[in-house]
Amino acid sequence: MKGEIIAESAVRFVRNFDTPAEKIWAFLTDSSKLPEWYGDGSIEPREGGAVSLMGGHIRGVVTGWRPQKFLAYTWNVFQPGETVSAWPISYLEMALAAAGTGTQLTLI
């Protein structure tokens, strides 16, 4: 058996906010704040936890959970009633770091 290295594409966004990491973390993880940008949904607060966003249209699994520092999860698109997605799985990583008096958010 022979292995093969394949190229993967990724996009990285870096934004600085004049707010503490705790507040940004809440908007990334708190079910009451997720509708602000993801519609109805929830992120189970632990590695291995379920991700359900946009009313279940987006589903995944938490792969990294370090409160106020790092959040990562898989992301897959499902049509209503589907149990298997026709789309490839994506991976999101969000890192928070101190930046002056605020916080830097890096999304990959």
PDB file of N, CA and C in Angstrom:
ATOM      1  N   MET A   1       0.841  -1.170   0.000  1.00  0.00           N
ATOM      2  CA  MET A   1       0.000   0.000   0.000  1.00  0.00           C
ATOM      3  C   MET A   1       0.888   1.235   0.000  1.00  0.00           C
ATOM      4  N   LYS A   2       0.498   2.190  -0.792  1.00  0.00           N
ATOM      5  CA  LYS A   2       1.304   3.392  -0.964  1.00  0.00           C
ATOM      6  C   LYS A   2       0.489   4.611  -0.529  1.00  0.00           C
ATOM      7  N   GLY A   3       1.099   5.511   0.217  1.00  0.00           N
ATOM      8  CA  GLY A   3       0.421   6.744   0.635  1.00  0.00           C
ATOM      9  C   GLY A   3       0.641   7.854  -0.372  1.00  0.00           C
ATOM     10  N   GLU A   4      -0.229   8.824  -0.332  1.00  0.00           N
ATOM     11  CA  GLU A   4      -0.136   9.943  -1.251  1.00  0.00           C
ATOM     12  C   GLU A   4      -0.454  11.233  -0.491  1.00  0.00           C
ATOM     13  N   ILE A   5       0.371  12.243  -0.643  1.00  0.00           N
ATOM     14  CA  ILE A   5       0.111  13.543  -0.039  1.00  0.00           C
ATOM     15  C   ILE A   5      -0.761  14.330  -1.006  1.00  0.00           C
ATOM     16  N   ILE A   6      -1.876  14.833  -0.494  1.00  0.00           N
ATOM     17  CA  ILE A   6      -2.766  15.619  -1.336  1.00  0.00           C
ATOM     18  C   ILE A   6      -2.825  17.054  -0.819  1.00  0.00           C
ATOM     19  N   ALA A   7      -3.008  17.982  -1.733  1.00  0.00           N
ATOM     20  CA  ALA A   7      -3.097  19.395  -1.349  1.00  0.00           C
ATOM     21  C   ALA A   7      -4.521  19.700  -0.887  1.00  0.00           C
ATOM     22  N   GLU A   8      -4.639  20.455   0.179  1.00  0.00           N
ATOM     23  CA  GLU A   8      -5.940  20.890   0.686  1.00  0.00           C
ATOM     24  C   GLU A   8      -5.959  22.415   0.640  1.00  0.00           C
ATOM     25  N   SER A   9      -7.080  22.960   0.290  1.00  0.00           N
ATOM     26  CA  SER A   9      -7.215  24.412   0.258  1.00  0.00           C
ATOM     27  C   SER A   9      -7.868  24.898   1.547  1.00  0.00           C
ATOM     28  N   ALA A  10      -7.482  26.069   1.969  1.00  0.00           N
ATOM     29  CA  ALA A  10      -8.066  26.671   3.172  1.00  0.00           C
ATOM     30  C   ALA A  10      -8.070  28.181   2.999  1.00  0.00           C
ATOM     31  N   VAL A  11      -8.959  28.815   3.713  1.00  0.00           N
ATOM     32  CA  VAL A  11      -9.035  30.269   3.745  1.00  0.00           C
ATOM     33  C   VAL A  11      -8.864  30.692   5.191  1.00  0.00           C
ATOM     34  N   ARG A  12      -8.073  31.736   5.421  1.00  0.00           N
ATOM     35  CA  ARG A  12      -7.868  32.239   6.779  1.00  0.00           C
ATOM     36  C   ARG A  12      -8.305  33.699   6.833  1.00  0.00           C
ATOM     37  N   PHE A  13      -9.144  33.994   7.822  1.00  0.00           N
ATOM     38  CA  PHE A  13      -9.574  35.357   8.097  1.00  0.00           C
ATOM     39  C   PHE A  13      -9.058  35.735   9.477  1.00  0.00           C
ATOM     40  N   VAL A  14      -8.518  36.927   9.607  1.00  0.00           N
ATOM     41  CA  VAL A  14      -8.045  37.427  10.894  1.00  0.00           C
ATOM     42  C   VAL A  14      -8.712  38.773  11.136  1.00  0.00           C
ATOM     43  N   ARG A  15      -9.375  38.893  12.282  1.00  0.00           N
ATOM     44  CA  ARG A  15     -10.066  40.130  12.632  1.00  0.00           C
ATOM     45  C   ARG A  15      -9.741  40.504  14.077  1.00  0.00           C
ATOM     46  N   ASN A  16      -9.550  41.792  14.299  1.00  0.00           N
ATOM     47  CA  ASN A  16      -9.326  42.302  15.651  1.00  0.00           C
ATOM     48  C   ASN A  16     -10.597  42.989  16.138  1.00  0.00           C
ATOM     49  N   PHE A  17     -10.949  42.713  17.385  1.00  0.00           N
ATOM     50  CA  PHE A  17     -12.138  43.278  17.999  1.00  0.00           C
ATOM     51  C   PHE A  17     -11.754  43.999  19.279  1.00  0.00           C
ATOM     52  N   ASP A  18     -12.437  45.088  19.547  1.00  0.00           N
ATOM     53  CA  ASP A  18     -12.232  45.839  20.781  1.00  0.00           C
ATOM     54  C   ASP A  18     -13.152  45.302  21.868  1.00  0.00           C
ATOM     55  N   THR A  19     -13.044  44.037  22.136  1.00  0.00           N
ATOM     56  CA  THR A  19     -13.910  43.391  23.130  1.00  0.00           C
ATOM     57  C   THR A  19     -13.160  42.197  23.714  1.00  0.00           C
ATOM     58  N   PRO A  20     -13.500  41.792  24.927  1.00  0.00           N
ATOM     59  CA  PRO A  20     -12.797  40.658  25.542  1.00  0.00           C
ATOM     60  C   PRO A  20     -13.152  39.320  24.883  1.00  0.00           C
ATOM     61  N   ALA A  21     -12.260  38.369  25.011  1.00  0.00           N
ATOM     62  CA  ALA A  21     -12.454  37.033  24.435  1.00  0.00           C
ATOM     63  C   ALA A  21     -13.730  36.376  24.940  1.00  0.00           C
ATOM     64  N   GLU A  22     -14.104  36.635  26.198  1.00  0.00           N
ATOM     65  CA  GLU A  22     -15.301  36.014  26.769  1.00  0.00           C
ATOM     66  C   GLU A  22     -16.550  36.355  25.937  1.00  0.00           C
ATOM     67  N   LYS A  23     -16.636  37.594  25.493  1.00  0.00           N
ATOM     68  CA  LYS A  23     -17.808  38.028  24.726  1.00  0.00           C
ATOM     69  C   LYS A  23     -17.821  37.377  23.334  1.00  0.00           C
ATOM     70  N   ILE A  24     -16.676  37.323  22.685  1.00  0.00           N
ATOM     71  CA  ILE A  24     -16.595  36.686  21.367  1.00  0.00           C
ATOM     72  C   ILE A  24     -16.897  35.200  21.497  1.00  0.00           C
ATOM     73  N   TRP A  25     -16.338  34.552  22.519  1.00  0.00           N
ATOM     74  CA  TRP A  25     -16.594  33.129  22.749  1.00  0.00           C
ATOM     75  C   TRP A  25     -18.085  32.860  22.881  1.00  0.00           C
ATOM     76  N   ALA A  26     -18.787  33.736  23.597  1.00  0.00           N
ATOM     77  CA  ALA A  26     -20.235  33.567  23.775  1.00  0.00           C
ATOM     78  C   ALA A  26     -20.955  33.597  22.424  1.00  0.00           C
ATOM     79  N   PHE A  27     -20.555  34.492  21.529  1.00  0.00           N
ATOM     80  CA  PHE A  27     -21.213  34.565  20.218  1.00  0.00           C
ATOM     81  C   PHE A  27     -20.860  33.371  19.338  1.00  0.00           C
ATOM     82  N   LEU A  28     -19.746  32.709  19.607  1.00  0.00           N
ATOM     83  CA  LEU A  28     -19.363  31.519  18.839  1.00  0.00           C
ATOM     84  C   LEU A  28     -20.023  30.251  19.358  1.00  0.00           C
ATOM     85  N   THR A  29     -20.454  30.245  20.635  1.00  0.00           N
ATOM     86  CA  THR A  29     -20.869  28.981  21.251  1.00  0.00           C
ATOM     87  C   THR A  29     -22.217  28.987  21.955  1.00  0.00           C
ATOM     88  N   ASP A  30     -22.697  30.125  22.392  1.00  0.00           N
ATOM     89  CA  ASP A  30     -23.925  30.204  23.188  1.00  0.00           C
ATOM     90  C   ASP A  30     -25.158  30.085  22.286  1.00  0.00           C
ATOM     91  N   SER A  31     -26.004  29.089  22.547  1.00  0.00           N
ATOM     92  CA  SER A  31     -27.191  28.843  21.713  1.00  0.00           C
ATOM     93  C   SER A  31     -28.110  30.054  21.615  1.00  0.00           C
ATOM     94  N   SER A  32     -28.126  30.888  22.634  1.00  0.00           N
ATOM     95  CA  SER A  32     -28.990  32.072  22.586  1.00  0.00           C
ATOM     96  C   SER A  32     -28.407  33.165  21.687  1.00  0.00           C
ATOM     97  N   LYS A  33     -27.104  33.102  21.397  1.00  0.00           N
ATOM     98  CA  LYS A  33     -26.458  34.106  20.555  1.00  0.00           C
ATOM     99  C   LYS A  33     -26.189  33.607  19.134  1.00  0.00           C
ATOM    100  N   LEU A  34     -26.175  32.298  18.920  1.00  0.00           N
ATOM    101  CA  LEU A  34     -25.909  31.746  17.589  1.00  0.00           C
ATOM    102  C   LEU A  34     -26.862  32.253  16.508  1.00  0.00           C
ATOM    103  N   PRO A  35     -28.149  32.470  16.812  1.00  0.00           N
ATOM    104  CA  PRO A  35     -29.052  32.961  15.758  1.00  0.00           C
ATOM    105  C   PRO A  35     -28.609  34.288  15.143  1.00  0.00           C
ATOM    106  N   GLU A  36     -27.766  35.048  15.832  1.00  0.00           N
ATOM    107  CA  GLU A  36     -27.266  36.314  15.285  1.00  0.00           C
ATOM    108  C   GLU A  36     -26.553  36.103  13.952  1.00  0.00           C
ATOM    109  N   TRP A  37     -25.955  34.926  13.761  1.00  0.00           N
ATOM    110  CA  TRP A  37     -25.228  34.701  12.509  1.00  0.00           C
ATOM    111  C   TRP A  37     -25.388  33.301  11.946  1.00  0.00           C
ATOM    112  N   TYR A  38     -25.976  32.360  12.696  1.00  0.00           N
ATOM    113  CA  TYR A  38     -26.133  30.990  12.212  1.00  0.00           C
ATOM    114  C   TYR A  38     -27.577  30.519  12.180  1.00  0.00           C
ATOM    115  N   GLY A  39     -28.533  31.361  12.522  1.00  0.00           N
ATOM    116  CA  GLY A  39     -29.903  30.878  12.635  1.00  0.00           C
ATOM    117  C   GLY A  39     -30.019  29.969  13.862  1.00  0.00           C
ATOM    118  N   ASP A  40     -31.143  29.295  13.986  1.00  0.00           N
ATOM    119  CA  ASP A  40     -31.351  28.409  15.137  1.00  0.00           C
ATOM    120  C   ASP A  40     -30.311  27.304  15.152  1.00  0.00           C
ATOM    121  N   GLY A  41     -29.749  27.037  16.320  1.00  0.00           N
ATOM    122  CA  GLY A  41     -28.773  25.972  16.404  1.00  0.00           C
ATOM    123  C   GLY A  41     -28.170  25.830  17.775  1.00  0.00           C
ATOM    124  N   SER A  42     -27.271  24.857  17.872  1.00  0.00           N
ATOM    125  CA  SER A  42     -26.585  24.610  19.135  1.00  0.00           C
ATOM    126  C   SER A  42     -25.238  23.960  18.860  1.00  0.00           C
ATOM    127  N   ILE A  43     -24.334  24.197  19.787  1.00  0.00           N
ATOM    128  CA  ILE A  43     -23.023  23.561  19.773  1.00  0.00           C
ATOM    129  C   ILE A  43     -22.836  22.965  21.162  1.00  0.00           C
ATOM    130  N   GLU A  44     -22.755  21.645  21.222  1.00  0.00           N
ATOM    131  CA  GLU A  44     -22.583  20.966  22.511  1.00  0.00           C
ATOM    132  C   GLU A  44     -21.183  21.280  23.042  1.00  0.00           C
ATOM    133  N   PRO A  45     -21.073  21.825  24.256  1.00  0.00           N
ATOM    134  CA  PRO A  45     -19.816  22.377  24.763  1.00  0.00           C
ATOM    135  C   PRO A  45     -18.787  21.360  25.240  1.00  0.00           C
ATOM    136  N   ARG A  46     -18.290  20.565  24.300  1.00  0.00           N
ATOM    137  CA  ARG A  46     -17.231  19.596  24.635  1.00  0.00           C
ATOM    138  C   ARG A  46     -16.707  18.976  23.345  1.00  0.00           C
ATOM    139  N   GLU A  47     -15.481  18.468  23.377  1.00  0.00           N
ATOM    140  CA  GLU A  47     -14.977  17.712  22.229  1.00  0.00           C
ATOM    141  C   GLU A  47     -15.848  16.483  22.045  1.00  0.00           C
ATOM    142  N   GLY A  48     -16.229  16.215  20.819  1.00  0.00           N
ATOM    143  CA  GLY A  48     -17.138  15.115  20.521  1.00  0.00           C
ATOM    144  C   GLY A  48     -18.595  15.538  20.553  1.00  0.00           C
ATOM    145  N   GLY A  49     -18.854  16.792  20.949  1.00  0.00           N
ATOM    146  CA  GLY A  49     -20.221  17.295  21.036  1.00  0.00           C
ATOM    147  C   GLY A  49     -20.827  17.530  19.657  1.00  0.00           C
ATOM    148  N   ALA A  50     -22.143  17.518  19.607  1.00  0.00           N
ATOM    149  CA  ALA A  50     -22.872  17.704  18.350  1.00  0.00           C
ATOM    150  C   ALA A  50     -22.965  19.184  17.990  1.00  0.00           C
ATOM    151  N   VAL A  51     -22.881  19.453  16.690  1.00  0.00           N
ATOM    152  CA  VAL A  51     -23.083  20.788  16.139  1.00  0.00           C
ATOM    153  C   VAL A  51     -24.310  20.721  15.245  1.00  0.00           C
ATOM    154  N   SER A  52     -25.251  21.618  15.465  1.00  0.00           N
ATOM    155  CA  SER A  52     -26.444  21.711  14.627  1.00  0.00           C
ATOM    156  C   SER A  52     -26.745  23.189  14.443  1.00  0.00           C
ATOM    157  N   LEU A  53     -26.618  23.670  13.214  1.00  0.00           N
ATOM    158  CA  LEU A  53     -26.806  25.085  12.924  1.00  0.00           C
ATOM    159  C   LEU A  53     -27.824  25.254  11.802  1.00  0.00           C
ATOM    160  N   MET A  54     -28.381  26.436  11.703  1.00  0.00           N
ATOM    161  CA  MET A  54     -29.364  26.752  10.660  1.00  0.00           C
ATOM    162  C   MET A  54     -30.501  25.735  10.649  1.00  0.00           C
ATOM    163  N   GLY A  55     -31.012  25.450  11.850  1.00  0.00           N
ATOM    164  CA  GLY A  55     -32.139  24.529  11.963  1.00  0.00           C
ATOM    165  C   GLY A  55     -31.816  23.104  11.549  1.00  0.00           C
ATOM    166  N   GLY A  56     -30.555  22.682  11.680  1.00  0.00           N
ATOM    167  CA  GLY A  56     -30.143  21.328  11.316  1.00  0.00           C
ATOM    168  C   GLY A  56     -29.643  21.205   9.886  1.00  0.00           C
ATOM    169  N   HIS A  57     -29.678  22.302   9.125  1.00  0.00           N
ATOM    170  CA  HIS A  57     -29.171  22.304   7.748  1.00  0.00           C
ATOM    171  C   HIS A  57     -27.653  22.066   7.737  1.00  0.00           C
ATOM    172  N   ILE A  58     -26.984  22.576   8.784  1.00  0.00           N
ATOM    173  CA  ILE A  58     -25.544  22.374   8.967  1.00  0.00           C
ATOM    174  C   ILE A  58     -25.373  21.474  10.185  1.00  0.00           C
ATOM    175  N   ARG A  59     -24.609  20.389  10.019  1.00  0.00           N
ATOM    176  CA  ARG A  59     -24.349  19.479  11.139  1.00  0.00           C
ATOM    177  C   ARG A  59     -22.874  19.130  11.184  1.00  0.00           C
ATOM    178  N   GLY A  60     -22.392  18.844  12.390  1.00  0.00           N
ATOM    179  CA  GLY A  60     -21.000  18.473  12.543  1.00  0.00           C
ATOM    180  C   GLY A  60     -20.708  17.977  13.940  1.00  0.00           C
ATOM    181  N   VAL A  61     -19.417  17.884  14.239  1.00  0.00           N
ATOM    182  CA  VAL A  61     -18.936  17.387  15.526  1.00  0.00           C
ATOM    183  C   VAL A  61     -17.825  18.315  16.011  1.00  0.00           C
ATOM    184  N   VAL A  62     -17.867  18.684  17.285  1.00  0.00           N
ATOM    185  CA  VAL A  62     -16.829  19.521  17.884  1.00  0.00           C
ATOM    186  C   VAL A  62     -15.537  18.709  17.959  1.00  0.00           C
ATOM    187  N   THR A  63     -14.455  19.253  17.397  1.00  0.00           N
ATOM    188  CA  THR A  63     -13.161  18.573  17.421  1.00  0.00           C
ATOM    189  C   THR A  63     -12.144  19.279  18.308  1.00  0.00           C
ATOM    190  N   GLY A  64     -12.457  20.512  18.713  1.00  0.00           N
ATOM    191  CA  GLY A  64     -11.577  21.249  19.612  1.00  0.00           C
ATOM    192  C   GLY A  64     -12.393  22.174  20.487  1.00  0.00           C
ATOM    193  N   TRP A  65     -12.205  22.103  21.793  1.00  0.00           N
ATOM    194  CA  TRP A  65     -12.968  22.930  22.740  1.00  0.00           C
ATOM    195  C   TRP A  65     -12.053  23.380  23.864  1.00  0.00           C
ATOM    196  N   ARG A  66     -11.526  24.593  23.749  1.00  0.00           N
ATOM    197  CA  ARG A  66     -10.738  25.202  24.819  1.00  0.00           C
ATOM    198  C   ARG A  66     -11.356  26.579  25.070  1.00  0.00           C
ATOM    199  N   PRO A  67     -12.271  26.672  26.033  1.00  0.00           N
ATOM    200  CA  PRO A  67     -13.053  27.893  26.248  1.00  0.00           C
ATOM    201  C   PRO A  67     -12.221  29.176  26.210  1.00  0.00           C
ATOM    202  N   GLN A  68     -12.761  30.124  25.436  1.00  0.00           N
ATOM    203  CA  GLN A  68     -12.202  31.460  25.249  1.00  0.00           C
ATOM    204  C   GLN A  68     -10.844  31.465  24.559  1.00  0.00           C
ATOM    205  N   LYS A  69     -10.457  30.307  23.985  1.00  0.00           N
ATOM    206  CA  LYS A  69      -9.179  30.229  23.277  1.00  0.00           C
ATOM    207  C   LYS A  69      -9.303  29.576  21.894  1.00  0.00           C
ATOM    208  N   PHE A  70     -10.014  28.443  21.815  1.00  0.00           N
ATOM    209  CA  PHE A  70     -10.017  27.677  20.560  1.00  0.00           C
ATOM    210  C   PHE A  70     -11.280  26.842  20.430  1.00  0.00           C
ATOM    211  N   LEU A  71     -11.893  26.912  19.258  1.00  0.00           N
ATOM    212  CA  LEU A  71     -13.076  26.119  18.933  1.00  0.00           C
ATOM    213  C   LEU A  71     -12.883  25.567  17.528  1.00  0.00           C
ATOM    214  N   ALA A  72     -13.135  24.274  17.360  1.00  0.00           N
ATOM    215  CA  ALA A  72     -13.043  23.666  16.032  1.00  0.00           C
ATOM    216  C   ALA A  72     -14.160  22.638  15.893  1.00  0.00           C
ATOM    217  N   TYR A  73     -14.694  22.537  14.674  1.00  0.00           N
ATOM    218  CA  TYR A  73     -15.707  21.518  14.422  1.00  0.00           C
ATOM    219  C   TYR A  73     -15.810  21.217  12.936  1.00  0.00           C
ATOM    220  N   THR A  74     -16.352  20.033  12.659  1.00  0.00           N
ATOM    221  CA  THR A  74     -16.644  19.683  11.280  1.00  0.00           C
ATOM    222  C   THR A  74     -17.921  20.404  10.875  1.00  0.00           C
ATOM    223  N   TRP A  75     -18.117  20.523   9.569  1.00  0.00           N
ATOM    224  CA  TRP A  75     -19.235  21.300   9.025  1.00  0.00           C
ATOM    225  C   TRP A  75     -19.686  20.579   7.765  1.00  0.00           C
ATOM    226  N   ASN A  76     -20.953  20.179   7.737  1.00  0.00           N
ATOM    227  CA  ASN A  76     -21.479  19.516   6.548  1.00  0.00           C
ATOM    228  C   ASN A  76     -22.899  19.992   6.295  1.00  0.00           C
ATOM    229  N   VAL A  77     -23.274  20.098   5.040  1.00  0.00           N
ATOM    230  CA  VAL A  77     -24.575  20.610   4.629  1.00  0.00           C
ATOM    231  C   VAL A  77     -25.513  19.447   4.342  1.00  0.00           C
ATOM    232  N   PHE A  78     -26.710  19.517   4.914  1.00  0.00           N
ATOM    233  CA  PHE A  78     -27.725  18.485   4.715  1.00  0.00           C
ATOM    234  C   PHE A  78     -29.010  19.125   4.204  1.00  0.00           C
ATOM    235  N   GLN A  79     -29.644  18.487   3.261  1.00  0.00           N
ATOM    236  CA  GLN A  79     -30.968  18.903   2.810  1.00  0.00           C
ATOM    237  C   GLN A  79     -31.997  18.295   3.771  1.00  0.00           C
ATOM    238  N   PRO A  80     -33.196  18.865   3.838  1.00  0.00           N
ATOM    239  CA  PRO A  80     -34.219  18.309   4.729  1.00  0.00           C
ATOM    240  C   PRO A  80     -34.430  16.814   4.490  1.00  0.00           C
ATOM    241  N   GLY A  81     -34.405  16.046   5.582  1.00  0.00           N
ATOM    242  CA  GLY A  81     -34.628  14.608   5.512  1.00  0.00           C
ATOM    243  C   GLY A  81     -33.404  13.776   5.195  1.00  0.00           C
ATOM    244  N   GLU A  82     -32.298  14.399   4.799  1.00  0.00           N
ATOM    245  CA  GLU A  82     -31.091  13.640   4.471  1.00  0.00           C
ATOM    246  C   GLU A  82     -30.383  13.136   5.727  1.00  0.00           C
ATOM    247  N   THR A  83     -29.879  11.918   5.664  1.00  0.00           N
ATOM    248  CA  THR A  83     -29.037  11.399   6.732  1.00  0.00           C
ATOM    249  C   THR A  83     -27.582  11.308   6.265  1.00  0.00           C
ATOM    250  N   VAL A  84     -27.374  11.380   4.947  1.00  0.00           N
ATOM    251  CA  VAL A  84     -26.040  11.392   4.360  1.00  0.00           C
ATOM    252  C   VAL A  84     -25.966  12.607   3.440  1.00  0.00           C
ATOM    253  N   SER A  85     -24.946  13.428   3.630  1.00  0.00           N
ATOM    254  CA  SER A  85     -24.797  14.636   2.831  1.00  0.00           C
ATOM    255  C   SER A  85     -24.127  14.326   1.497  1.00  0.00           C
ATOM    256  N   ALA A  86     -24.542  15.038   0.475  1.00  0.00           N
ATOM    257  CA  ALA A  86     -23.910  14.917  -0.847  1.00  0.00           C
ATOM    258  C   ALA A  86     -22.658  15.785  -0.947  1.00  0.00           C
ATOM    259  N   TRP A  87     -22.404  16.592   0.069  1.00  0.00           N
ATOM    260  CA  TRP A  87     -21.298  17.548   0.057  1.00  0.00           C
ATOM    261  C   TRP A  87     -20.113  17.032   0.866  1.00  0.00           C
ATOM    262  N   PRO A  88     -18.900  17.486   0.554  1.00  0.00           N
ATOM    263  CA  PRO A  88     -17.735  17.080   1.355  1.00  0.00           C
ATOM    264  C   PRO A  88     -17.764  17.751   2.732  1.00  0.00           C
ATOM    265  N   ILE A  89     -17.131  17.136   3.684  1.00  0.00           N
ATOM    266  CA  ILE A  89     -17.025  17.692   5.035  1.00  0.00           C
ATOM    267  C   ILE A  89     -15.994  18.816   5.033  1.00  0.00           C
ATOM    268  N   SER A  90     -16.326  19.910   5.705  1.00  0.00           N
ATOM    269  CA  SER A  90     -15.384  21.014   5.897  1.00  0.00           C
ATOM    270  C   SER A  90     -14.990  21.047   7.370  1.00  0.00           C
ATOM    271  N   TYR A  91     -13.899  21.744   7.655  1.00  0.00           N
ATOM    272  CA  TYR A  91     -13.404  21.868   9.025  1.00  0.00           C
ATOM    273  C   TYR A  91     -13.216  23.340   9.339  1.00  0.00           C
ATOM    274  N   LEU A  92     -13.749  23.788  10.463  1.00  0.00           N
ATOM    275  CA  LEU A  92     -13.589  25.166  10.893  1.00  0.00           C
ATOM    276  C   LEU A  92     -12.764  25.199  12.164  1.00  0.00           C
ATOM    277  N   GLU A  93     -11.841  26.145  12.222  1.00  0.00           N
ATOM    278  CA  GLU A  93     -11.053  26.391  13.423  1.00  0.00           C
ATOM    279  C   GLU A  93     -11.148  27.873  13.739  1.00  0.00           C
ATOM    280  N   MET A  94     -11.452  28.200  14.994  1.00  0.00           N
ATOM    281  CA  MET A  94     -11.523  29.578  15.436  1.00  0.00           C
ATOM    282  C   MET A  94     -10.644  29.739  16.663  1.00  0.00           C
ATOM    283  N   ALA A  95      -9.624  30.572  16.543  1.00  0.00           N
ATOM    284  CA  ALA A  95      -8.688  30.806  17.645  1.00  0.00           C
ATOM    285  C   ALA A  95      -8.836  32.239  18.129  1.00  0.00           C
ATOM    286  N   LEU A  96      -8.844  32.420  19.432  1.00  0.00           N
ATOM    287  CA  LEU A  96      -8.920  33.737  20.054  1.00  0.00           C
ATOM    288  C   LEU A  96      -7.613  34.014  20.783  1.00  0.00           C
ATOM    289  N   ALA A  97      -7.095  35.233  20.609  1.00  0.00           N
ATOM    290  CA  ALA A  97      -5.847  35.612  21.273  1.00  0.00           C
ATOM    291  C   ALA A  97      -5.937  37.083  21.666  1.00  0.00           C
ATOM    292  N   ALA A  98      -5.270  37.428  22.752  1.00  0.00           N
ATOM    293  CA  ALA A  98      -5.218  38.818  23.183  1.00  0.00           C
ATOM    294  C   ALA A  98      -4.539  39.654  22.106  1.00  0.00           C
ATOM    295  N   ALA A  99      -5.102  40.856  21.868  1.00  0.00           N
ATOM    296  CA  ALA A  99      -4.539  41.785  20.881  1.00  0.00           C
ATOM    297  C   ALA A  99      -4.720  43.194  21.424  1.00  0.00           C
ATOM    298  N   GLY A 100      -3.696  43.719  22.059  1.00  0.00           N
ATOM    299  CA  GLY A 100      -3.800  45.038  22.686  1.00  0.00           C
ATOM    300  C   GLY A 100      -4.823  44.970  23.814  1.00  0.00           C
ATOM    301  N   THR A 101      -5.829  45.824  23.762  1.00  0.00           N
ATOM    302  CA  THR A 101      -6.872  45.830  24.782  1.00  0.00           C
ATOM    303  C   THR A 101      -8.071  44.982  24.350  1.00  0.00           C
ATOM    304  N   GLY A 102      -7.982  44.333  23.195  1.00  0.00           N
ATOM    305  CA  GLY A 102      -9.084  43.539  22.673  1.00  0.00           C
ATOM    306  C   GLY A 102      -8.686  42.114  22.389  1.00  0.00           C
ATOM    307  N   THR A 103      -9.289  41.550  21.352  1.00  0.00           N
ATOM    308  CA  THR A 103      -9.100  40.138  21.016  1.00  0.00           C
ATOM    309  C   THR A 103      -8.961  39.974  19.509  1.00  0.00           C
ATOM    310  N   GLN A 104      -8.056  39.113  19.115  1.00  0.00           N
ATOM    311  CA  GLN A 104      -7.921  38.742  17.696  1.00  0.00           C
ATOM    312  C   GLN A 104      -8.599  37.407  17.465  1.00  0.00           C
ATOM    313  N   LEU A 105      -9.449  37.348  16.459  1.00  0.00           N
ATOM    314  CA  LEU A 105     -10.127  36.111  16.060  1.00  0.00           C
ATOM    315  C   LEU A 105      -9.515  35.659  14.742  1.00  0.00           C
ATOM    316  N   THR A 106      -9.016  34.430  14.717  1.00  0.00           N
ATOM    317  CA  THR A 106      -8.516  33.826  13.491  1.00  0.00           C
ATOM    318  C   THR A 106      -9.432  32.677  13.138  1.00  0.00           C
ATOM    319  N   LEU A 107     -10.047  32.751  11.956  1.00  0.00           N
ATOM    320  CA  LEU A 107     -10.939  31.721  11.450  1.00  0.00           C
ATOM    321  C   LEU A 107     -10.287  31.052  10.264  1.00  0.00           C
ATOM    322  N   ILE A 108     -10.163  29.727  10.336  1.00  0.00           N
ATOM    323  CA  ILE A 108      -9.619  28.950   9.215  1.00  0.00           C
ATOM    324  C   ILE A 108     -10.671  27.942   8.811  1.00  0.00           C
TER     325      ILE A 108
END
